[in-house]
Amino acid sequence: MASASDGYLLSDSASEVERLRLQVRVWEPEAEAMLDRIALQPGWQCIDLGCGAMGILGPLSRRVGPTGRVVGVDVGATQLGAALAFVQDEGLANVEILERDAYHTGLPRESFDFVHVRFLFGPVGRDDELLREMLALTRPGGIVAIQEAVDGTSWRCYPPHPAWDQLTRAILAAFAQGGGDFNVGQRTYGMVRAAGLRDVQVRPAVLALQHGHPYMRLPILMATSLRPRILEGGLLSEAELDEALAGCEQVAQDPERFALTFVVTQVWGRKPGG
């Protein structure tokens, strides 16, 4: 995850760490399904760029085993501290956390069998720069994998509620105003093909959430992190934002409602050579 100084839209705060931890737990089964398809091997060298509080460090660590190596890269003291604590608490001896810029890591070129990013293209809007670094880090024959949201319009609750719709619209607009693209997953398949990757695959993922599921509160968590941008951008007034947040709290606890997440595309391909 890039720092605010790099244009990243979400905060480097304790509340954002909790959101990222929740995000990891919710999406981990889908990440595991992608890794099953890719068939990571023991002994592989892997890197998770913008790993945040946890990333996919756990699944990677288990799959590459004691002969493999996993590197998590991030900036921001809060995120790095959370990642280090996670690695220590889980006893992931084959995982190393580095304070590096995901766009310019300074790590040896062509040194990783697997290079991964999740939810980093969208908030920042520096597609070419990030993909160029991913390709440079990947050895010939290695795998580049990207997970990004592809369709924010599916991020709905049912029956619909105006507070939910208002808050999610404001979040998507805040991304756009800040130079990001919430739906960047619509472009990642074309990006990796244009970059010359081979055997490119795509897998969709979407989750259904019932009342009381903590991820039902995602619009609240994201809008709270984006609050300054929402207010400064004139997307909602302070009163409108607070009212929408309260309405979404009711939705999250309503046993008569369920929600769908935004759709995510998992795209991966093999670097030529090797």
C-alpha atoms as a PDB file:
ATOM      1  CA  MET A   1       0.000   0.000   0.000  1.00  0.00           C
ATOM      2  CA  ALA A   2       1.473   3.339  -1.001  1.00  0.00           C
ATOM      3  CA  SER A   3       1.724   6.194   1.430  1.00  0.00           C
ATOM      4  CA  ALA A   4      -0.404   9.309   1.369  1.00  0.00           C
ATOM      5  CA  SER A   5       2.533  11.185  -0.091  1.00  0.00           C
ATOM      6  CA  ASP A   6       2.377   8.826  -3.074  1.00  0.00           C
ATOM      7  CA  GLY A   7      -1.239   9.757  -3.659  1.00  0.00           C
ATOM      8  CA  TYR A   8      -2.787   6.764  -1.901  1.00  0.00           C
ATOM      9  CA  LEU A   9      -6.315   7.777  -0.946  1.00  0.00           C
ATOM     10  CA  LEU A  10      -6.824   5.854   2.283  1.00  0.00           C
ATOM     11  CA  SER A  11      -5.238   6.685   5.612  1.00  0.00           C
ATOM     12  CA  ASP A  12      -2.327   4.968   7.355  1.00  0.00           C
ATOM     13  CA  SER A  13      -4.183   4.698  10.668  1.00  0.00           C
ATOM     14  CA  ALA A  14      -5.151   2.102  13.267  1.00  0.00           C
ATOM     15  CA  SER A  15      -8.715   2.015  11.918  1.00  0.00           C
ATOM     16  CA  GLU A  16      -7.409   1.445   8.398  1.00  0.00           C
ATOM     17  CA  VAL A  17      -5.260  -1.431   9.681  1.00  0.00           C
ATOM     18  CA  GLU A  18      -8.371  -3.050  11.141  1.00  0.00           C
ATOM     19  CA  ARG A  19     -10.190  -2.614   7.829  1.00  0.00           C
ATOM     20  CA  LEU A  20      -7.289  -4.237   5.976  1.00  0.00           C
ATOM     21  CA  ARG A  21      -7.146  -7.156   8.405  1.00  0.00           C
ATOM     22  CA  LEU A  22     -10.863  -7.710   7.942  1.00  0.00           C
ATOM     23  CA  GLN A  23     -10.423  -7.456   4.173  1.00  0.00           C
ATOM     24  CA  VAL A  24      -7.694 -10.096   4.220  1.00  0.00           C
ATOM     25  CA  ARG A  25      -9.779 -12.553   6.237  1.00  0.00           C
ATOM     26  CA  VAL A  26     -12.843 -12.067   4.040  1.00  0.00           C
ATOM     27  CA  TRP A  27     -11.033 -12.422   0.698  1.00  0.00           C
ATOM     28  CA  GLU A  28      -8.511 -15.082   1.736  1.00  0.00           C
ATOM     29  CA  PRO A  29     -10.559 -18.059   0.432  1.00  0.00           C
ATOM     30  CA  GLU A  30     -10.696 -16.385  -2.991  1.00  0.00           C
ATOM     31  CA  ALA A  31      -6.946 -15.714  -2.854  1.00  0.00           C
ATOM     32  CA  GLU A  32      -6.391 -19.380  -1.986  1.00  0.00           C
ATOM     33  CA  ALA A  33      -8.509 -20.415  -4.979  1.00  0.00           C
ATOM     34  CA  MET A  34      -6.380 -18.241  -7.252  1.00  0.00           C
ATOM     35  CA  LEU A  35      -3.157 -19.672  -5.821  1.00  0.00           C
ATOM     36  CA  ASP A  36      -4.530 -23.199  -6.354  1.00  0.00           C
ATOM     37  CA  ARG A  37      -5.009 -22.372 -10.027  1.00  0.00           C
ATOM     38  CA  ILE A  38      -1.510 -20.909 -10.298  1.00  0.00           C
ATOM     39  CA  ALA A  39      -0.007 -23.902  -8.465  1.00  0.00           C
ATOM     40  CA  LEU A  40       2.742 -22.222  -6.471  1.00  0.00           C
ATOM     41  CA  GLN A  41       5.598 -24.605  -5.732  1.00  0.00           C
ATOM     42  CA  PRO A  42       7.724 -25.247  -2.627  1.00  0.00           C
ATOM     43  CA  GLY A  43      10.932 -23.273  -2.773  1.00  0.00           C
ATOM     44  CA  TRP A  44       9.521 -20.363  -4.790  1.00  0.00           C
ATOM     45  CA  GLN A  45      10.608 -16.804  -4.141  1.00  0.00           C
ATOM     46  CA  CYS A  46       7.481 -14.595  -3.792  1.00  0.00           C
ATOM     47  CA  ILE A  47       6.764 -10.931  -3.176  1.00  0.00           C
ATOM     48  CA  ASP A  48       3.520  -9.218  -2.120  1.00  0.00           C
ATOM     49  CA  LEU A  49       3.741  -5.544  -3.066  1.00  0.00           C
ATOM     50  CA  GLY A  50       1.682  -3.208  -0.889  1.00  0.00           C
ATOM     51  CA  CYS A  51       0.987  -6.044   1.550  1.00  0.00           C
ATOM     52  CA  GLY A  52      -0.523  -3.736   4.175  1.00  0.00           C
ATOM     53  CA  ALA A  53      -1.305  -5.362   7.509  1.00  0.00           C
ATOM     54  CA  MET A  54      -1.329  -8.980   6.261  1.00  0.00           C
ATOM     55  CA  GLY A  55      -1.724  -9.226   2.496  1.00  0.00           C
ATOM     56  CA  ILE A  56      -1.536 -12.815   1.262  1.00  0.00           C
ATOM     57  CA  LEU A  57       1.635 -13.462   3.262  1.00  0.00           C
ATOM     58  CA  GLY A  58       0.119 -16.402   5.170  1.00  0.00           C
ATOM     59  CA  PRO A  59      -1.046 -18.378   2.116  1.00  0.00           C
ATOM     60  CA  LEU A  60       2.231 -17.694   0.323  1.00  0.00           C
ATOM     61  CA  SER A  61       4.285 -18.767   3.331  1.00  0.00           C
ATOM     62  CA  ARG A  62       2.415 -22.073   3.636  1.00  0.00           C
ATOM     63  CA  ARG A  63       2.753 -22.883  -0.044  1.00  0.00           C
ATOM     64  CA  VAL A  64       6.452 -22.138  -0.592  1.00  0.00           C
ATOM     65  CA  GLY A  65       7.456 -23.889   2.630  1.00  0.00           C
ATOM     66  CA  PRO A  66      10.743 -23.684   4.522  1.00  0.00           C
ATOM     67  CA  THR A  67      12.828 -23.763   1.350  1.00  0.00           C
ATOM     68  CA  GLY A  68      10.955 -20.807  -0.126  1.00  0.00           C
ATOM     69  CA  ARG A  69      10.939 -17.103   0.683  1.00  0.00           C
ATOM     70  CA  VAL A  70       8.191 -14.496   0.879  1.00  0.00           C
ATOM     71  CA  VAL A  71       8.790 -10.736   0.947  1.00  0.00           C
ATOM     72  CA  GLY A  72       6.110  -8.249   1.976  1.00  0.00           C
ATOM     73  CA  VAL A  73       6.686  -4.653   0.861  1.00  0.00           C
ATOM     74  CA  ASP A  74       4.964  -1.548   2.176  1.00  0.00           C
ATOM     75  CA  VAL A  75       5.567   1.944   3.481  1.00  0.00           C
ATOM     76  CA  GLY A  76       3.933   3.743   6.393  1.00  0.00           C
ATOM     77  CA  ALA A  77       4.846   2.959   9.983  1.00  0.00           C
ATOM     78  CA  THR A  78       1.395   1.714  10.978  1.00  0.00           C
ATOM     79  CA  GLN A  79       1.111  -0.774   8.111  1.00  0.00           C
ATOM     80  CA  LEU A  80       4.660  -2.040   8.538  1.00  0.00           C
ATOM     81  CA  GLY A  81       4.211  -2.469  12.277  1.00  0.00           C
ATOM     82  CA  ALA A  82       1.019  -4.447  11.745  1.00  0.00           C
ATOM     83  CA  ALA A  83       2.658  -6.663   9.101  1.00  0.00           C
ATOM     84  CA  LEU A  84       5.654  -7.358  11.314  1.00  0.00           C
ATOM     85  CA  ALA A  85       3.380  -8.222  14.248  1.00  0.00           C
ATOM     86  CA  PHE A  86       1.371 -10.594  12.045  1.00  0.00           C
ATOM     87  CA  VAL A  87       4.511 -12.388  10.831  1.00  0.00           C
ATOM     88  CA  GLN A  88       5.850 -12.734  14.363  1.00  0.00           C
ATOM     89  CA  ASP A  89       2.542 -13.852  15.872  1.00  0.00           C
ATOM     90  CA  GLU A  90       2.051 -16.485  13.154  1.00  0.00           C
ATOM     91  CA  GLY A  91       5.663 -17.656  13.315  1.00  0.00           C
ATOM     92  CA  LEU A  92       6.200 -17.188   9.576  1.00  0.00           C
ATOM     93  CA  ALA A  93       9.936 -17.815   9.530  1.00  0.00           C
ATOM     94  CA  ASN A  94      10.154 -17.661   5.733  1.00  0.00           C
ATOM     95  CA  VAL A  95       8.543 -14.193   5.494  1.00  0.00           C
ATOM     96  CA  GLU A  96      10.452 -10.902   5.491  1.00  0.00           C
ATOM     97  CA  ILE A  97       8.845  -7.444   5.733  1.00  0.00           C
ATOM     98  CA  LEU A  98      10.636  -4.580   3.989  1.00  0.00           C
ATOM     99  CA  GLU A  99       9.983  -0.847   4.017  1.00  0.00           C
ATOM    100  CA  ARG A 100      10.079  -0.132   0.300  1.00  0.00           C
ATOM    101  CA  ASP A 101       8.151   1.864  -2.285  1.00  0.00           C
ATOM    102  CA  ALA A 102       6.066  -0.650  -4.247  1.00  0.00           C
ATOM    103  CA  TYR A 103       6.698   1.364  -7.423  1.00  0.00           C
ATOM    104  CA  HIS A 104      10.474   1.473  -7.001  1.00  0.00           C
ATOM    105  CA  THR A 105      11.481  -1.279  -4.596  1.00  0.00           C
ATOM    106  CA  GLY A 106      15.197  -1.217  -5.342  1.00  0.00           C
ATOM    107  CA  LEU A 107      15.181  -5.015  -5.051  1.00  0.00           C
ATOM    108  CA  PRO A 108      17.199  -7.190  -7.457  1.00  0.00           C
ATOM    109  CA  ARG A 109      15.668  -7.446 -10.905  1.00  0.00           C
ATOM    110  CA  GLU A 110      14.217 -10.772 -12.095  1.00  0.00           C
ATOM    111  CA  SER A 111      14.582 -12.324  -8.645  1.00  0.00           C
ATOM    112  CA  PHE A 112      11.030 -13.580  -7.880  1.00  0.00           C
ATOM    113  CA  ASP A 113       9.011 -16.526  -9.141  1.00  0.00           C
ATOM    114  CA  PHE A 114       5.718 -14.876  -8.131  1.00  0.00           C
ATOM    115  CA  VAL A 115       4.907 -11.157  -7.892  1.00  0.00           C
ATOM    116  CA  HIS A 116       1.513 -10.110  -6.501  1.00  0.00           C
ATOM    117  CA  VAL A 117      -0.542  -6.953  -5.953  1.00  0.00           C
ATOM    118  CA  ARG A 118      -4.052  -6.604  -4.534  1.00  0.00           C
ATOM    119  CA  PHE A 119      -6.129  -3.400  -4.423  1.00  0.00           C
ATOM    120  CA  LEU A 120      -3.161  -1.128  -5.147  1.00  0.00           C
ATOM    121  CA  PHE A 121      -3.707  -0.151  -8.771  1.00  0.00           C
ATOM    122  CA  GLY A 122      -7.142   1.338  -8.069  1.00  0.00           C
ATOM    123  CA  PRO A 123      -6.496   3.845  -5.271  1.00  0.00           C
ATOM    124  CA  VAL A 124      -3.318   5.352  -6.711  1.00  0.00           C
ATOM    125  CA  GLY A 125      -3.743   5.517 -10.484  1.00  0.00           C
ATOM    126  CA  ARG A 126      -0.126   4.827 -11.482  1.00  0.00           C
ATOM    127  CA  ASP A 127      -0.767   1.756 -13.625  1.00  0.00           C
ATOM    128  CA  ASP A 128       2.257   1.845 -15.920  1.00  0.00           C
ATOM    129  CA  GLU A 129       4.704   2.514 -13.117  1.00  0.00           C
ATOM    130  CA  LEU A 130       3.439  -0.290 -10.889  1.00  0.00           C
ATOM    131  CA  LEU A 131       3.167  -2.877 -13.662  1.00  0.00           C
ATOM    132  CA  ARG A 132       6.659  -1.989 -14.878  1.00  0.00           C
ATOM    133  CA  GLU A 133       8.084  -2.694 -11.399  1.00  0.00           C
ATOM    134  CA  MET A 134       6.161  -5.965 -11.134  1.00  0.00           C
ATOM    135  CA  LEU A 135       7.537  -7.150 -14.470  1.00  0.00           C
ATOM    136  CA  ALA A 136      11.060  -6.081 -13.567  1.00  0.00           C
ATOM    137  CA  LEU A 137      10.958  -8.098 -10.328  1.00  0.00           C
ATOM    138  CA  THR A 138       9.693 -11.263 -12.036  1.00  0.00           C
ATOM    139  CA  ARG A 139      12.183 -13.786 -13.311  1.00  0.00           C
ATOM    140  CA  PRO A 140      11.697 -15.151 -16.852  1.00  0.00           C
ATOM    141  CA  GLY A 141       9.022 -17.808 -16.610  1.00  0.00           C
ATOM    142  CA  GLY A 142       7.670 -16.366 -13.355  1.00  0.00           C
ATOM    143  CA  ILE A 143       4.096 -15.324 -12.584  1.00  0.00           C
ATOM    144  CA  VAL A 144       2.614 -11.831 -12.208  1.00  0.00           C
ATOM    145  CA  ALA A 145      -0.769 -11.707 -10.416  1.00  0.00           C
ATOM    146  CA  ILE A 146      -3.139  -8.773  -9.852  1.00  0.00           C
ATOM    147  CA  GLN A 147      -6.377  -8.639  -7.867  1.00  0.00           C
ATOM    148  CA  GLU A 148      -8.541  -5.534  -8.338  1.00  0.00           C
ATOM    149  CA  ALA A 149     -12.176  -4.470  -8.162  1.00  0.00           C
ATOM    150  CA  VAL A 150     -13.870  -4.594 -11.551  1.00  0.00           C
ATOM    151  CA  ASP A 151     -17.470  -3.546 -10.875  1.00  0.00           C
ATOM    152  CA  GLY A 152     -18.465  -1.227  -8.062  1.00  0.00           C
ATOM    153  CA  THR A 153     -22.081  -1.234  -9.264  1.00  0.00           C
ATOM    154  CA  SER A 154     -22.560  -4.722  -7.805  1.00  0.00           C
ATOM    155  CA  TRP A 155     -21.709  -3.356  -4.336  1.00  0.00           C
ATOM    156  CA  ARG A 156     -25.350  -3.229  -3.218  1.00  0.00           C
ATOM    157  CA  CYS A 157     -27.584  -4.259  -0.364  1.00  0.00           C
ATOM    158  CA  TYR A 158     -30.951  -5.933  -0.836  1.00  0.00           C
ATOM    159  CA  PRO A 159     -33.583  -4.715  -0.288  1.00  0.00           C
ATOM    160  CA  PRO A 160     -31.928  -1.447  -1.340  1.00  0.00           C
ATOM    161  CA  HIS A 161     -31.372   1.319   1.200  1.00  0.00           C
ATOM    162  CA  PRO A 162     -30.725   4.976   0.251  1.00  0.00           C
ATOM    163  CA  ALA A 163     -27.966   5.408   2.859  1.00  0.00           C
ATOM    164  CA  TRP A 164     -26.001   2.466   1.422  1.00  0.00           C
ATOM    165  CA  ASP A 165     -26.357   3.756  -2.129  1.00  0.00           C
ATOM    166  CA  GLN A 166     -25.405   7.297  -1.113  1.00  0.00           C
ATOM    167  CA  LEU A 167     -22.312   6.184   0.785  1.00  0.00           C
ATOM    168  CA  THR A 168     -20.983   3.800  -1.861  1.00  0.00           C
ATOM    169  CA  ARG A 169     -21.507   6.431  -4.581  1.00  0.00           C
ATOM    170  CA  ALA A 170     -19.498   8.916  -2.507  1.00  0.00           C
ATOM    171  CA  ILE A 171     -16.678   6.395  -2.056  1.00  0.00           C
ATOM    172  CA  LEU A 172     -16.422   5.697  -5.783  1.00  0.00           C
ATOM    173  CA  ALA A 173     -16.519   9.438  -6.525  1.00  0.00           C
ATOM    174  CA  ALA A 174     -13.776  10.095  -3.957  1.00  0.00           C
ATOM    175  CA  PHE A 175     -11.552   7.589  -5.749  1.00  0.00           C
ATOM    176  CA  ALA A 176     -12.169   9.341  -9.057  1.00  0.00           C
ATOM    177  CA  GLN A 177     -11.556  12.823  -7.627  1.00  0.00           C
ATOM    178  CA  GLY A 178      -8.277  11.652  -6.102  1.00  0.00           C
ATOM    179  CA  GLY A 179      -7.003  10.286  -9.425  1.00  0.00           C
ATOM    180  CA  GLY A 180      -7.797   6.656  -8.655  1.00  0.00           C
ATOM    181  CA  ASP A 181     -10.069   4.181 -10.397  1.00  0.00           C
ATOM    182  CA  PHE A 182     -12.195   1.934  -8.209  1.00  0.00           C
ATOM    183  CA  ASN A 183     -13.010  -0.273 -11.231  1.00  0.00           C
ATOM    184  CA  VAL A 184      -9.446  -0.648 -12.479  1.00  0.00           C
ATOM    185  CA  GLY A 185      -9.988  -4.430 -12.637  1.00  0.00           C
ATOM    186  CA  GLN A 186     -11.779  -3.826 -15.925  1.00  0.00           C
ATOM    187  CA  ARG A 187      -8.381  -3.007 -17.439  1.00  0.00           C
ATOM    188  CA  THR A 188      -5.921  -5.368 -15.754  1.00  0.00           C
ATOM    189  CA  TYR A 189      -6.513  -8.264 -18.177  1.00  0.00           C
ATOM    190  CA  GLY A 190      -5.710  -6.030 -21.131  1.00  0.00           C
ATOM    191  CA  MET A 191      -2.771  -4.476 -19.298  1.00  0.00           C
ATOM    192  CA  VAL A 192      -0.947  -7.745 -18.685  1.00  0.00           C
ATOM    193  CA  ARG A 193      -1.630  -9.000 -22.196  1.00  0.00           C
ATOM    194  CA  ALA A 194      -0.308  -5.759 -23.684  1.00  0.00           C
ATOM    195  CA  ALA A 195       2.780  -6.136 -21.479  1.00  0.00           C
ATOM    196  CA  GLY A 196       3.575  -9.440 -23.212  1.00  0.00           C
ATOM    197  CA  LEU A 197       2.647 -11.905 -20.476  1.00  0.00           C
ATOM    198  CA  ARG A 198       1.682 -15.350 -21.693  1.00  0.00           C
ATOM    199  CA  ASP A 199      -0.989 -17.857 -20.641  1.00  0.00           C
ATOM    200  CA  VAL A 200      -2.993 -14.999 -19.153  1.00  0.00           C
ATOM    201  CA  GLN A 201      -5.895 -16.175 -17.008  1.00  0.00           C
ATOM    202  CA  VAL A 202      -8.772 -14.327 -15.354  1.00  0.00           C
ATOM    203  CA  ARG A 203     -11.011 -15.413 -12.481  1.00  0.00           C
ATOM    204  CA  PRO A 204     -13.952 -13.436 -11.036  1.00  0.00           C
ATOM    205  CA  ALA A 205     -14.766 -13.265  -7.338  1.00  0.00           C
ATOM    206  CA  VAL A 206     -17.746 -11.774  -5.507  1.00  0.00           C
ATOM    207  CA  LEU A 207     -19.013 -12.397  -1.983  1.00  0.00           C
ATOM    208  CA  ALA A 208     -22.509 -12.487  -0.512  1.00  0.00           C
ATOM    209  CA  LEU A 209     -22.839 -11.099   3.025  1.00  0.00           C
ATOM    210  CA  GLN A 210     -25.627 -11.587   5.537  1.00  0.00           C
ATOM    211  CA  HIS A 211     -26.632  -9.345   8.422  1.00  0.00           C
ATOM    212  CA  GLY A 212     -24.097  -9.172  11.207  1.00  0.00           C
ATOM    213  CA  HIS A 213     -21.161 -10.051   8.915  1.00  0.00           C
ATOM    214  CA  PRO A 214     -18.425  -7.535   9.735  1.00  0.00           C
ATOM    215  CA  TYR A 215     -17.760  -6.865   6.034  1.00  0.00           C
ATOM    216  CA  MET A 216     -21.295  -5.482   5.768  1.00  0.00           C
ATOM    217  CA  ARG A 217     -19.731  -2.433   7.429  1.00  0.00           C
ATOM    218  CA  LEU A 218     -17.192  -1.927   4.636  1.00  0.00           C
ATOM    219  CA  PRO A 219     -18.908   1.217   3.272  1.00  0.00           C
ATOM    220  CA  ILE A 220     -18.720   2.673   6.780  1.00  0.00           C
ATOM    221  CA  LEU A 221     -15.049   1.785   7.208  1.00  0.00           C
ATOM    222  CA  MET A 222     -14.026   3.110   3.790  1.00  0.00           C
ATOM    223  CA  ALA A 223     -16.080   6.308   4.077  1.00  0.00           C
ATOM    224  CA  THR A 224     -14.578   6.955   7.506  1.00  0.00           C
ATOM    225  CA  SER A 225     -11.072   6.608   6.080  1.00  0.00           C
ATOM    226  CA  LEU A 226     -12.037   8.819   3.116  1.00  0.00           C
ATOM    227  CA  ARG A 227     -13.976  11.332   5.208  1.00  0.00           C
ATOM    228  CA  PRO A 228     -11.650  14.316   4.555  1.00  0.00           C
ATOM    229  CA  ARG A 229     -11.751  13.715   0.792  1.00  0.00           C
ATOM    230  CA  ILE A 230     -15.524  13.252   0.750  1.00  0.00           C
ATOM    231  CA  LEU A 231     -16.081  16.510   2.632  1.00  0.00           C
ATOM    232  CA  GLU A 232     -13.382  18.561   0.896  1.00  0.00           C
ATOM    233  CA  GLY A 233     -14.568  17.333  -2.502  1.00  0.00           C
ATOM    234  CA  GLY A 234     -18.121  18.446  -1.754  1.00  0.00           C
ATOM    235  CA  LEU A 235     -19.450  14.944  -2.354  1.00  0.00           C
ATOM    236  CA  LEU A 236     -21.504  15.030   0.842  1.00  0.00           C
ATOM    237  CA  SER A 237     -21.997  17.591   3.596  1.00  0.00           C
ATOM    238  CA  GLU A 238     -20.925  16.635   7.105  1.00  0.00           C
ATOM    239  CA  ALA A 239     -24.560  16.132   8.104  1.00  0.00           C
ATOM    240  CA  GLU A 240     -25.275  14.025   5.012  1.00  0.00           C
ATOM    241  CA  LEU A 241     -22.201  11.888   5.613  1.00  0.00           C
ATOM    242  CA  ASP A 242     -23.056  11.279   9.265  1.00  0.00           C
ATOM    243  CA  GLU A 243     -26.647  10.417   8.361  1.00  0.00           C
ATOM    244  CA  ALA A 244     -25.498   7.982   5.674  1.00  0.00           C
ATOM    245  CA  LEU A 245     -23.041   6.346   8.079  1.00  0.00           C
ATOM    246  CA  ALA A 246     -25.801   5.873  10.644  1.00  0.00           C
ATOM    247  CA  GLY A 247     -28.108   4.431   7.997  1.00  0.00           C
ATOM    248  CA  CYS A 248     -25.463   1.929   6.904  1.00  0.00           C
ATOM    249  CA  GLU A 249     -24.995   0.831  10.514  1.00  0.00           C
ATOM    250  CA  GLN A 250     -28.685  -0.080  10.534  1.00  0.00           C
ATOM    251  CA  VAL A 251     -28.333  -1.962   7.243  1.00  0.00           C
ATOM    252  CA  ALA A 252     -25.403  -3.985   8.580  1.00  0.00           C
ATOM    253  CA  GLN A 253     -27.501  -5.238  11.503  1.00  0.00           C
ATOM    254  CA  ASP A 254     -30.768  -5.772   9.635  1.00  0.00           C
ATOM    255  CA  PRO A 255     -31.641  -9.506   9.494  1.00  0.00           C
ATOM    256  CA  GLU A 256     -33.909  -8.858   6.508  1.00  0.00           C
ATOM    257  CA  ARG A 257     -31.045  -7.613   4.313  1.00  0.00           C
ATOM    258  CA  PHE A 258     -28.044  -9.112   2.584  1.00  0.00           C
ATOM    259  CA  ALA A 259     -25.322  -7.492   0.484  1.00  0.00           C
ATOM    260  CA  LEU A 260     -23.012  -8.290  -2.396  1.00  0.00           C
ATOM    261  CA  THR A 261     -19.455  -7.029  -2.556  1.00  0.00           C
ATOM    262  CA  PHE A 262     -17.934  -5.357  -5.584  1.00  0.00           C
ATOM    263  CA  VAL A 263     -16.726  -7.898  -8.139  1.00  0.00           C
ATOM    264  CA  VAL A 264     -12.981  -8.592  -8.155  1.00  0.00           C
ATOM    265  CA  THR A 265     -10.959  -9.864 -11.086  1.00  0.00           C
ATOM    266  CA  GLN A 266      -7.929 -12.023 -10.395  1.00  0.00           C
ATOM    267  CA  VAL A 267      -5.612 -11.823 -13.393  1.00  0.00           C
ATOM    268  CA  TRP A 268      -2.310 -13.611 -13.778  1.00  0.00           C
ATOM    269  CA  GLY A 269       0.151 -14.478 -16.506  1.00  0.00           C
ATOM    270  CA  ARG A 270       3.631 -15.826 -17.133  1.00  0.00           C
ATOM    271  CA  LYS A 271       6.612 -13.697 -18.060  1.00  0.00           C
ATOM    272  CA  PRO A 272       8.208 -14.923 -21.301  1.00  0.00           C
ATOM    273  CA  GLY A 273      11.444 -16.863 -21.107  1.00  0.00           C
ATOM    274  CA  GLY A 274      12.798 -19.195 -18.468  1.00  0.00           C
END
